[in-house]
Amino acid sequence: MSADFWSGYLSGAIGIIIGNPLDIIKVQLQAGQHAEVVASSTTQQLSRLESLTSLVRGSAAPILGYGALNALLFVAYNRSLMILDNSITDPTTPQGVSLYKVWLAGAAGGVASWTVSSPTEFIKCRAQLETRPGVSSWTVTRHIISTRGWRGLYYAGGITCARDAIGYGFYFWSYEYCKRLMNSEEDSTNIATLKILLCGGIAGVVTWASVFPLDVIKTRLQAGTIETSPQDRPLLQIQSKTRAPSSFQVAREVYRTEGLKAFYRGLGVCSLRAFIVNAVQWATYEWLMKYLQDP
């Protein structure tokens, strides 16, 4: 396996371990489970999680899946960038490449990683929103396959693919743009590391800000597949006896019942998570690439 594969895999797994607790809060806010406390602080949201084990709920699938996703993402991005600009010899330092090519290569990487991200996101979302005790990523996976078949793992795949292509386009674009703005030959090792952390954090925030409404729609679609008891408020308020609602129907219903602000509910928590996770993830990736490429 190439250096960018293992660098991407390990940095992705580390990112999930760090960011999963905040990701749970983000998903719950998007799904509308805690509408009565939407305005409460992150601390208040954390206090509603029933135990320490809830902070890692749904993390097994993402740790395995997101490692593979991140590996595919970086490999596809690097190869796409080299195809778009044949003057590149080292895709990890594309200083002379037009930024629009960086965006296109990132979007191509997002589409490639969708093969892993779509089922991983569905399993993670279901596991994080389940209230029944003892529900894990594995039980959720078995339930989806038994009730929907293997194709069911790609439920809401279209909106997930659009989110990944657009989001990862801005992910690599913003990271490379920030690096160019901050680049200096005179930086010490510590300063260079701090700049990588800052650029990675900014890239994470920019990415989620660019696609957050799409992610809300995806979450609502996937949350709507959870079976609820009659006394519970359904996670998705669109009922269809013949077929599942489309992304457009979900978006229209969310806007009608909750307004525009619903598409950005949880963005604050998500931005905090994105900054921390992607700062560490990019620093880990850059360090592993240098370590693995050294003879």
C-alpha atoms as a PDB file:
ATOM      1  CA  MET A   1       0.000   0.000   0.000  1.00  0.00           C
ATOM      2  CA  SER A   2       1.167   3.556  -0.751  1.00  0.00           C
ATOM      3  CA  ALA A   3       2.211   6.108   1.863  1.00  0.00           C
ATOM      4  CA  ASP A   4      -0.864   8.276   1.263  1.00  0.00           C
ATOM      5  CA  PHE A   5      -3.159   5.277   1.827  1.00  0.00           C
ATOM      6  CA  TRP A   6      -1.792   4.485   5.289  1.00  0.00           C
ATOM      7  CA  SER A   7      -1.378   8.141   6.208  1.00  0.00           C
ATOM      8  CA  GLY A   8      -4.994   8.755   5.263  1.00  0.00           C
ATOM      9  CA  TYR A   9      -6.250   5.631   7.025  1.00  0.00           C
ATOM     10  CA  LEU A  10      -4.527   6.280  10.347  1.00  0.00           C
ATOM     11  CA  SER A  11      -5.253  10.007  10.409  1.00  0.00           C
ATOM     12  CA  GLY A  12      -8.924   9.308   9.653  1.00  0.00           C
ATOM     13  CA  ALA A  13      -9.234   6.765  12.466  1.00  0.00           C
ATOM     14  CA  ILE A  14      -7.580   9.159  14.934  1.00  0.00           C
ATOM     15  CA  GLY A  15      -9.932  11.951  13.837  1.00  0.00           C
ATOM     16  CA  ILE A  16     -13.020   9.851  14.553  1.00  0.00           C
ATOM     17  CA  ILE A  17     -11.793   8.850  18.015  1.00  0.00           C
ATOM     18  CA  ILE A  18     -11.282  12.518  18.903  1.00  0.00           C
ATOM     19  CA  GLY A  19     -14.466  13.879  17.351  1.00  0.00           C
ATOM     20  CA  ASN A  20     -17.130  11.234  18.026  1.00  0.00           C
ATOM     21  CA  PRO A  21     -18.582  12.766  21.249  1.00  0.00           C
ATOM     22  CA  LEU A  22     -19.273  16.102  19.539  1.00  0.00           C
ATOM     23  CA  ASP A  23     -20.512  14.304  16.429  1.00  0.00           C
ATOM     24  CA  ILE A  24     -23.221  12.618  18.515  1.00  0.00           C
ATOM     25  CA  ILE A  25     -24.475  16.019  19.659  1.00  0.00           C
ATOM     26  CA  LYS A  26     -24.400  17.349  16.091  1.00  0.00           C
ATOM     27  CA  VAL A  27     -26.457  14.435  14.751  1.00  0.00           C
ATOM     28  CA  GLN A  28     -29.011  14.696  17.565  1.00  0.00           C
ATOM     29  CA  LEU A  29     -29.467  18.416  16.940  1.00  0.00           C
ATOM     30  CA  GLN A  30     -29.874  17.879  13.193  1.00  0.00           C
ATOM     31  CA  ALA A  31     -32.418  15.122  13.728  1.00  0.00           C
ATOM     32  CA  GLY A  32     -34.500  17.384  15.959  1.00  0.00           C
ATOM     33  CA  GLN A  33     -34.562  15.005  18.922  1.00  0.00           C
ATOM     34  CA  HIS A  34     -33.885  17.808  21.404  1.00  0.00           C
ATOM     35  CA  ALA A  35     -35.846  20.698  19.934  1.00  0.00           C
ATOM     36  CA  GLU A  36     -36.792  21.946  23.385  1.00  0.00           C
ATOM     37  CA  VAL A  37     -33.147  22.607  24.209  1.00  0.00           C
ATOM     38  CA  VAL A  38     -31.822  23.717  20.846  1.00  0.00           C
ATOM     39  CA  ALA A  39     -30.777  27.032  22.319  1.00  0.00           C
ATOM     40  CA  SER A  40     -28.951  25.460  25.259  1.00  0.00           C
ATOM     41  CA  SER A  41     -25.185  25.317  25.438  1.00  0.00           C
ATOM     42  CA  THR A  42     -22.915  22.453  24.472  1.00  0.00           C
ATOM     43  CA  THR A  43     -22.421  21.712  28.174  1.00  0.00           C
ATOM     44  CA  GLN A  44     -26.171  21.315  28.635  1.00  0.00           C
ATOM     45  CA  GLN A  45     -26.322  19.013  25.625  1.00  0.00           C
ATOM     46  CA  LEU A  46     -23.539  16.861  27.060  1.00  0.00           C
ATOM     47  CA  SER A  47     -25.397  16.583  30.365  1.00  0.00           C
ATOM     48  CA  ARG A  48     -28.353  14.986  28.525  1.00  0.00           C
ATOM     49  CA  LEU A  49     -26.241  12.063  27.336  1.00  0.00           C
ATOM     50  CA  GLU A  50     -27.112   9.270  29.689  1.00  0.00           C
ATOM     51  CA  SER A  51     -23.667   7.811  30.400  1.00  0.00           C
ATOM     52  CA  LEU A  52     -20.037   7.793  29.396  1.00  0.00           C
ATOM     53  CA  THR A  53     -20.698   4.933  26.990  1.00  0.00           C
ATOM     54  CA  SER A  54     -23.021   7.171  24.971  1.00  0.00           C
ATOM     55  CA  LEU A  55     -20.017   9.300  24.011  1.00  0.00           C
ATOM     56  CA  VAL A  56     -18.642   6.461  21.902  1.00  0.00           C
ATOM     57  CA  ARG A  57     -21.988   5.175  20.603  1.00  0.00           C
ATOM     58  CA  GLY A  58     -21.767   4.449  16.898  1.00  0.00           C
ATOM     59  CA  SER A  59     -17.998   4.911  16.810  1.00  0.00           C
ATOM     60  CA  ALA A  60     -17.014   1.359  15.835  1.00  0.00           C
ATOM     61  CA  ALA A  61     -18.274   1.656  12.253  1.00  0.00           C
ATOM     62  CA  PRO A  62     -16.772   5.135  11.722  1.00  0.00           C
ATOM     63  CA  ILE A  63     -13.362   4.175  13.156  1.00  0.00           C
ATOM     64  CA  LEU A  64     -13.089   1.298  10.691  1.00  0.00           C
ATOM     65  CA  GLY A  65     -15.052   2.949   7.908  1.00  0.00           C
ATOM     66  CA  TYR A  66     -13.657   6.458   8.164  1.00  0.00           C
ATOM     67  CA  GLY A  67     -10.117   5.155   8.174  1.00  0.00           C
ATOM     68  CA  ALA A  68     -10.836   3.443   4.850  1.00  0.00           C
ATOM     69  CA  LEU A  69     -12.791   6.488   3.654  1.00  0.00           C
ATOM     70  CA  ASN A  70      -9.921   8.839   4.441  1.00  0.00           C
ATOM     71  CA  ALA A  71      -7.443   6.512   2.752  1.00  0.00           C
ATOM     72  CA  LEU A  72      -9.559   6.422  -0.417  1.00  0.00           C
ATOM     73  CA  LEU A  73     -10.066  10.174  -0.222  1.00  0.00           C
ATOM     74  CA  PHE A  74      -6.382  11.074  -0.116  1.00  0.00           C
ATOM     75  CA  VAL A  75      -5.322   8.466  -2.663  1.00  0.00           C
ATOM     76  CA  ALA A  76      -8.057   9.585  -5.098  1.00  0.00           C
ATOM     77  CA  TYR A  77      -7.269  13.264  -4.480  1.00  0.00           C
ATOM     78  CA  ASN A  78      -3.542  12.832  -5.066  1.00  0.00           C
ATOM     79  CA  ARG A  79      -4.030  10.760  -8.222  1.00  0.00           C
ATOM     80  CA  SER A  80      -6.708  13.114  -9.586  1.00  0.00           C
ATOM     81  CA  LEU A  81      -4.486  16.134  -9.002  1.00  0.00           C
ATOM     82  CA  MET A  82      -1.643  14.480 -10.896  1.00  0.00           C
ATOM     83  CA  ILE A  83      -4.005  13.729 -13.794  1.00  0.00           C
ATOM     84  CA  LEU A  84      -5.313  17.315 -13.858  1.00  0.00           C
ATOM     85  CA  ASP A  85      -1.789  18.751 -13.809  1.00  0.00           C
ATOM     86  CA  ASN A  86       0.917  16.480 -15.215  1.00  0.00           C
ATOM     87  CA  SER A  87       3.655  18.811 -14.003  1.00  0.00           C
ATOM     88  CA  ILE A  88       3.114  17.617 -10.427  1.00  0.00           C
ATOM     89  CA  THR A  89       5.693  15.184  -9.094  1.00  0.00           C
ATOM     90  CA  ASP A  90       4.647  15.330  -5.449  1.00  0.00           C
ATOM     91  CA  PRO A  91       0.900  15.919  -4.865  1.00  0.00           C
ATOM     92  CA  THR A  92       1.513  16.678  -1.175  1.00  0.00           C
ATOM     93  CA  THR A  93       3.154  19.982  -2.152  1.00  0.00           C
ATOM     94  CA  PRO A  94       1.072  21.395  -5.049  1.00  0.00           C
ATOM     95  CA  GLN A  95       2.137  25.025  -4.599  1.00  0.00           C
ATOM     96  CA  GLY A  96       2.155  25.844  -8.307  1.00  0.00           C
ATOM     97  CA  VAL A  97      -1.187  24.223  -9.133  1.00  0.00           C
ATOM     98  CA  SER A  98      -4.273  26.344  -9.811  1.00  0.00           C
ATOM     99  CA  LEU A  99      -6.651  26.234  -6.860  1.00  0.00           C
ATOM    100  CA  TYR A 100      -9.606  25.298  -9.069  1.00  0.00           C
ATOM    101  CA  LYS A 101      -7.731  22.086  -9.959  1.00  0.00           C
ATOM    102  CA  VAL A 102      -7.234  21.429  -6.251  1.00  0.00           C
ATOM    103  CA  TRP A 103     -11.006  21.842  -5.780  1.00  0.00           C
ATOM    104  CA  LEU A 104     -11.792  19.470  -8.666  1.00  0.00           C
ATOM    105  CA  ALA A 105      -9.344  16.859  -7.368  1.00  0.00           C
ATOM    106  CA  GLY A 106     -10.920  17.156  -3.924  1.00  0.00           C
ATOM    107  CA  ALA A 107     -14.394  16.690  -5.394  1.00  0.00           C
ATOM    108  CA  ALA A 108     -13.168  13.596  -7.265  1.00  0.00           C
ATOM    109  CA  GLY A 109     -11.774  12.281  -4.003  1.00  0.00           C
ATOM    110  CA  GLY A 110     -15.133  12.892  -2.350  1.00  0.00           C
ATOM    111  CA  VAL A 111     -16.968  10.888  -5.002  1.00  0.00           C
ATOM    112  CA  ALA A 112     -14.470   8.027  -4.671  1.00  0.00           C
ATOM    113  CA  SER A 113     -14.756   7.976  -0.871  1.00  0.00           C
ATOM    114  CA  TRP A 114     -18.570   7.960  -1.099  1.00  0.00           C
ATOM    115  CA  THR A 115     -18.475   4.184  -1.629  1.00  0.00           C
ATOM    116  CA  VAL A 116     -17.410   3.919   2.010  1.00  0.00           C
ATOM    117  CA  SER A 117     -18.909   7.086   3.489  1.00  0.00           C
ATOM    118  CA  SER A 118     -22.510   6.349   2.500  1.00  0.00           C
ATOM    119  CA  PRO A 119     -22.961   3.084   4.457  1.00  0.00           C
ATOM    120  CA  THR A 120     -20.697   4.322   7.259  1.00  0.00           C
ATOM    121  CA  GLU A 121     -22.755   7.497   7.709  1.00  0.00           C
ATOM    122  CA  PHE A 122     -26.047   5.575   7.684  1.00  0.00           C
ATOM    123  CA  ILE A 123     -24.866   3.095  10.315  1.00  0.00           C
ATOM    124  CA  LYS A 124     -23.335   5.843  12.457  1.00  0.00           C
ATOM    125  CA  CYS A 125     -26.440   8.009  12.290  1.00  0.00           C
ATOM    126  CA  ARG A 126     -28.751   5.148  13.239  1.00  0.00           C
ATOM    127  CA  ALA A 127     -26.512   3.983  16.086  1.00  0.00           C
ATOM    128  CA  GLN A 128     -26.130   7.482  17.529  1.00  0.00           C
ATOM    129  CA  LEU A 129     -29.866   8.178  17.509  1.00  0.00           C
ATOM    130  CA  GLU A 130     -30.991   4.843  18.946  1.00  0.00           C
ATOM    131  CA  THR A 131     -32.361   5.109  22.499  1.00  0.00           C
ATOM    132  CA  ARG A 132     -32.646   1.402  23.172  1.00  0.00           C
ATOM    133  CA  PRO A 133     -29.867  -0.043  25.387  1.00  0.00           C
ATOM    134  CA  GLY A 134     -27.293  -2.355  23.888  1.00  0.00           C
ATOM    135  CA  VAL A 135     -27.601  -1.069  20.331  1.00  0.00           C
ATOM    136  CA  SER A 136     -24.215  -1.024  18.596  1.00  0.00           C
ATOM    137  CA  SER A 137     -22.954  -0.349  15.101  1.00  0.00           C
ATOM    138  CA  TRP A 138     -22.974  -4.079  14.418  1.00  0.00           C
ATOM    139  CA  THR A 139     -26.589  -4.626  15.489  1.00  0.00           C
ATOM    140  CA  VAL A 140     -27.643  -1.627  13.406  1.00  0.00           C
ATOM    141  CA  THR A 141     -25.785  -3.026  10.378  1.00  0.00           C
ATOM    142  CA  ARG A 142     -27.438  -6.430  10.736  1.00  0.00           C
ATOM    143  CA  HIS A 143     -30.852  -4.825  11.110  1.00  0.00           C
ATOM    144  CA  ILE A 144     -30.421  -2.684   7.984  1.00  0.00           C
ATOM    145  CA  ILE A 145     -29.274  -5.646   5.895  1.00  0.00           C
ATOM    146  CA  SER A 146     -32.050  -7.909   7.169  1.00  0.00           C
ATOM    147  CA  THR A 147     -34.799  -5.355   6.511  1.00  0.00           C
ATOM    148  CA  ARG A 148     -33.477  -3.489   3.474  1.00  0.00           C
ATOM    149  CA  GLY A 149     -30.876  -5.777   1.938  1.00  0.00           C
ATOM    150  CA  TRP A 150     -27.285  -4.838   1.120  1.00  0.00           C
ATOM    151  CA  ARG A 151     -28.468  -1.976  -1.067  1.00  0.00           C
ATOM    152  CA  GLY A 152     -30.146  -0.521   1.999  1.00  0.00           C
ATOM    153  CA  LEU A 153     -26.738   0.472   3.358  1.00  0.00           C
ATOM    154  CA  TYR A 154     -26.677   3.148   0.638  1.00  0.00           C
ATOM    155  CA  TYR A 155     -29.959   4.746   1.649  1.00  0.00           C
ATOM    156  CA  ALA A 156     -29.747   8.543   1.098  1.00  0.00           C
ATOM    157  CA  GLY A 157     -26.672   7.855  -1.031  1.00  0.00           C
ATOM    158  CA  GLY A 158     -27.443  10.576  -3.571  1.00  0.00           C
ATOM    159  CA  ILE A 159     -27.455  13.444  -1.075  1.00  0.00           C
ATOM    160  CA  THR A 160     -24.413  11.926   0.658  1.00  0.00           C
ATOM    161  CA  CYS A 161     -22.496  11.851  -2.640  1.00  0.00           C
ATOM    162  CA  ALA A 162     -23.362  15.492  -3.377  1.00  0.00           C
ATOM    163  CA  ARG A 163     -22.301  16.491   0.135  1.00  0.00           C
ATOM    164  CA  ASP A 164     -18.989  14.645  -0.147  1.00  0.00           C
ATOM    165  CA  ALA A 165     -18.088  15.968  -3.602  1.00  0.00           C
ATOM    166  CA  ILE A 166     -18.799  19.612  -2.740  1.00  0.00           C
ATOM    167  CA  GLY A 167     -17.465  19.389   0.804  1.00  0.00           C
ATOM    168  CA  TYR A 168     -14.165  17.712  -0.015  1.00  0.00           C
ATOM    169  CA  GLY A 169     -13.645  20.080  -2.921  1.00  0.00           C
ATOM    170  CA  PHE A 170     -13.674  22.949  -0.426  1.00  0.00           C
ATOM    171  CA  TYR A 171     -11.753  20.845   2.089  1.00  0.00           C
ATOM    172  CA  PHE A 172      -8.601  20.575  -0.018  1.00  0.00           C
ATOM    173  CA  TRP A 173      -9.071  23.996  -1.603  1.00  0.00           C
ATOM    174  CA  SER A 174      -9.253  25.816   1.745  1.00  0.00           C
ATOM    175  CA  TYR A 175      -6.362  23.853   3.241  1.00  0.00           C
ATOM    176  CA  GLU A 176      -4.093  24.569   0.287  1.00  0.00           C
ATOM    177  CA  TYR A 177      -5.188  28.215   0.152  1.00  0.00           C
ATOM    178  CA  CYS A 178      -4.418  28.717   3.860  1.00  0.00           C
ATOM    179  CA  LYS A 179      -1.036  27.020   3.503  1.00  0.00           C
ATOM    180  CA  ARG A 180      -0.102  29.360   0.659  1.00  0.00           C
ATOM    181  CA  LEU A 181      -1.117  32.413   2.668  1.00  0.00           C
ATOM    182  CA  MET A 182       0.935  31.319   5.687  1.00  0.00           C
ATOM    183  CA  ASN A 183       3.886  29.748   3.883  1.00  0.00           C
ATOM    184  CA  SER A 184       7.319  30.959   4.965  1.00  0.00           C
ATOM    185  CA  GLU A 185      10.763  29.477   4.398  1.00  0.00           C
ATOM    186  CA  GLU A 186      11.984  30.808   7.746  1.00  0.00           C
ATOM    187  CA  ASP A 187       9.516  28.972   9.970  1.00  0.00           C
ATOM    188  CA  SER A 188      10.872  26.746  12.717  1.00  0.00           C
ATOM    189  CA  THR A 189       9.519  23.204  13.085  1.00  0.00           C
ATOM    190  CA  ASN A 190       7.170  24.255  15.903  1.00  0.00           C
ATOM    191  CA  ILE A 191       5.790  27.223  13.962  1.00  0.00           C
ATOM    192  CA  ALA A 192       5.321  25.086  10.841  1.00  0.00           C
ATOM    193  CA  THR A 193       3.408  22.505  12.903  1.00  0.00           C
ATOM    194  CA  LEU A 194       1.177  25.190  14.418  1.00  0.00           C
ATOM    195  CA  LYS A 195       0.414  26.495  10.929  1.00  0.00           C
ATOM    196  CA  ILE A 196      -0.548  23.005   9.753  1.00  0.00           C
ATOM    197  CA  LEU A 197      -2.860  22.649  12.751  1.00  0.00           C
ATOM    198  CA  LEU A 198      -4.447  26.036  12.042  1.00  0.00           C
ATOM    199  CA  CYS A 199      -4.845  25.383   8.304  1.00  0.00           C
ATOM    200  CA  GLY A 200      -6.333  21.950   8.979  1.00  0.00           C
ATOM    201  CA  GLY A 201      -8.796  23.380  11.495  1.00  0.00           C
ATOM    202  CA  ILE A 202      -9.876  26.161   9.135  1.00  0.00           C
ATOM    203  CA  ALA A 203     -10.309  23.641   6.302  1.00  0.00           C
ATOM    204  CA  GLY A 204     -12.625  21.560   8.483  1.00  0.00           C
ATOM    205  CA  VAL A 205     -14.808  24.546   9.394  1.00  0.00           C
ATOM    206  CA  VAL A 206     -14.993  25.778   5.776  1.00  0.00           C
ATOM    207  CA  THR A 207     -15.950  22.308   4.582  1.00  0.00           C
ATOM    208  CA  TRP A 208     -18.871  21.898   6.950  1.00  0.00           C
ATOM    209  CA  ALA A 209     -20.088  25.457   6.468  1.00  0.00           C
ATOM    210  CA  SER A 210     -20.281  24.786   2.717  1.00  0.00           C
ATOM    211  CA  VAL A 211     -22.390  21.629   2.955  1.00  0.00           C
ATOM    212  CA  PHE A 212     -24.180  21.748   6.318  1.00  0.00           C
ATOM    213  CA  PRO A 213     -27.735  22.065   4.881  1.00  0.00           C
ATOM    214  CA  LEU A 214     -27.066  18.983   2.725  1.00  0.00           C
ATOM    215  CA  ASP A 215     -25.864  17.121   5.807  1.00  0.00           C
ATOM    216  CA  VAL A 216     -29.025  18.082   7.706  1.00  0.00           C
ATOM    217  CA  ILE A 217     -31.180  16.670   4.901  1.00  0.00           C
ATOM    218  CA  LYS A 218     -29.100  13.485   4.866  1.00  0.00           C
ATOM    219  CA  THR A 219     -29.467  13.094   8.630  1.00  0.00           C
ATOM    220  CA  ARG A 220     -33.244  13.651   8.489  1.00  0.00           C
ATOM    221  CA  LEU A 221     -33.602  11.051   5.742  1.00  0.00           C
ATOM    222  CA  GLN A 222     -31.567   8.464   7.627  1.00  0.00           C
ATOM    223  CA  ALA A 223     -33.134   9.260  10.998  1.00  0.00           C
ATOM    224  CA  GLY A 224     -36.558   8.712   9.462  1.00  0.00           C
ATOM    225  CA  THR A 225     -35.785   5.017   9.042  1.00  0.00           C
ATOM    226  CA  ILE A 226     -35.669   4.435  12.815  1.00  0.00           C
ATOM    227  CA  GLU A 227     -38.778   2.682  14.071  1.00  0.00           C
ATOM    228  CA  THR A 228     -40.453   4.647  16.855  1.00  0.00           C
ATOM    229  CA  SER A 229     -43.246   3.699  19.217  1.00  0.00           C
ATOM    230  CA  PRO A 230     -46.655   5.392  18.737  1.00  0.00           C
ATOM    231  CA  GLN A 231     -46.136   7.720  21.712  1.00  0.00           C
ATOM    232  CA  ASP A 232     -42.785   8.942  20.397  1.00  0.00           C
ATOM    233  CA  ARG A 233     -42.501  11.887  18.037  1.00  0.00           C
ATOM    234  CA  PRO A 234     -41.229  10.539  14.717  1.00  0.00           C
ATOM    235  CA  LEU A 235     -37.788  11.762  13.766  1.00  0.00           C
ATOM    236  CA  LEU A 236     -38.984  12.553  10.271  1.00  0.00           C
ATOM    237  CA  GLN A 237     -42.423  14.095  10.014  1.00  0.00           C
ATOM    238  CA  ILE A 238     -43.058  13.057   6.422  1.00  0.00           C
ATOM    239  CA  GLN A 239     -45.033   9.867   6.232  1.00  0.00           C
ATOM    240  CA  SER A 240     -45.209   7.884   3.026  1.00  0.00           C
ATOM    241  CA  LYS A 241     -46.841   4.475   2.729  1.00  0.00           C
ATOM    242  CA  THR A 242     -45.619   3.858  -0.781  1.00  0.00           C
ATOM    243  CA  ARG A 243     -42.009   5.011  -0.853  1.00  0.00           C
ATOM    244  CA  ALA A 244     -39.427   6.938   1.102  1.00  0.00           C
ATOM    245  CA  PRO A 245     -39.414  10.723   0.758  1.00  0.00           C
ATOM    246  CA  SER A 246     -36.910  12.357  -1.557  1.00  0.00           C
ATOM    247  CA  SER A 247     -34.228  14.818  -0.493  1.00  0.00           C
ATOM    248  CA  PHE A 248     -36.276  17.644  -2.004  1.00  0.00           C
ATOM    249  CA  GLN A 249     -39.394  16.628  -0.069  1.00  0.00           C
ATOM    250  CA  VAL A 250     -37.406  16.519   3.181  1.00  0.00           C
ATOM    251  CA  ALA A 251     -35.862  19.940   2.513  1.00  0.00           C
ATOM    252  CA  ARG A 252     -39.262  21.452   1.716  1.00  0.00           C
ATOM    253  CA  GLU A 253     -40.889  19.961   4.812  1.00  0.00           C
ATOM    254  CA  VAL A 254     -38.072  21.042   7.133  1.00  0.00           C
ATOM    255  CA  TYR A 255     -38.253  24.588   5.764  1.00  0.00           C
ATOM    256  CA  ARG A 256     -42.064  24.658   6.070  1.00  0.00           C
ATOM    257  CA  THR A 257     -42.197  23.408   9.656  1.00  0.00           C
ATOM    258  CA  GLU A 258     -38.960  24.736  11.171  1.00  0.00           C
ATOM    259  CA  GLY A 259     -37.722  27.504   8.924  1.00  0.00           C
ATOM    260  CA  LEU A 260     -34.305  28.247   7.456  1.00  0.00           C
ATOM    261  CA  LYS A 261     -32.526  28.045  10.826  1.00  0.00           C
ATOM    262  CA  ALA A 262     -33.179  24.290  10.947  1.00  0.00           C
ATOM    263  CA  PHE A 263     -30.665  23.788   8.132  1.00  0.00           C
ATOM    264  CA  TYR A 264     -27.918  25.246  10.328  1.00  0.00           C
ATOM    265  CA  ARG A 265     -28.905  23.699  13.665  1.00  0.00           C
ATOM    266  CA  GLY A 266     -25.827  22.145  15.201  1.00  0.00           C
ATOM    267  CA  LEU A 267     -23.370  24.103  13.016  1.00  0.00           C
ATOM    268  CA  GLY A 268     -21.664  25.618  16.075  1.00  0.00           C
ATOM    269  CA  VAL A 269     -20.969  22.228  17.651  1.00  0.00           C
ATOM    270  CA  CYS A 270     -19.987  20.844  14.264  1.00  0.00           C
ATOM    271  CA  SER A 271     -17.552  23.712  13.614  1.00  0.00           C
ATOM    272  CA  LEU A 272     -15.861  23.169  16.975  1.00  0.00           C
ATOM    273  CA  ARG A 273     -15.551  19.468  16.259  1.00  0.00           C
ATOM    274  CA  ALA A 274     -14.375  20.092  12.696  1.00  0.00           C
ATOM    275  CA  PHE A 275     -11.621  22.470  13.794  1.00  0.00           C
ATOM    276  CA  ILE A 276     -10.228  20.096  16.422  1.00  0.00           C
ATOM    277  CA  VAL A 277     -10.541  16.912  14.375  1.00  0.00           C
ATOM    278  CA  ASN A 278      -9.152  18.279  11.123  1.00  0.00           C
ATOM    279  CA  ALA A 279      -6.302  20.148  12.801  1.00  0.00           C
ATOM    280  CA  VAL A 280      -5.128  16.861  14.334  1.00  0.00           C
ATOM    281  CA  GLN A 281      -5.971  14.880  11.209  1.00  0.00           C
ATOM    282  CA  TRP A 282      -3.971  17.070   8.834  1.00  0.00           C
ATOM    283  CA  ALA A 283      -0.996  17.258  11.216  1.00  0.00           C
ATOM    284  CA  THR A 284      -1.055  13.454  11.548  1.00  0.00           C
ATOM    285  CA  TYR A 285      -1.330  12.998   7.783  1.00  0.00           C
ATOM    286  CA  GLU A 286       1.530  15.398   7.015  1.00  0.00           C
ATOM    287  CA  TRP A 287       3.774  13.809   9.641  1.00  0.00           C
ATOM    288  CA  LEU A 288       3.032  10.240   8.496  1.00  0.00           C
ATOM    289  CA  MET A 289       3.624  11.163   4.856  1.00  0.00           C
ATOM    290  CA  LYS A 290       7.070  12.548   5.694  1.00  0.00           C
ATOM    291  CA  TYR A 291       7.861   9.541   7.886  1.00  0.00           C
ATOM    292  CA  LEU A 292       6.705   6.927   5.341  1.00  0.00           C
ATOM    293  CA  GLN A 293       8.307   8.646   2.359  1.00  0.00           C
ATOM    294  CA  ASP A 294      11.715   9.036   3.988  1.00  0.00           C
ATOM    295  CA  PRO A 295      14.136   6.392   2.669  1.00  0.00           C
END
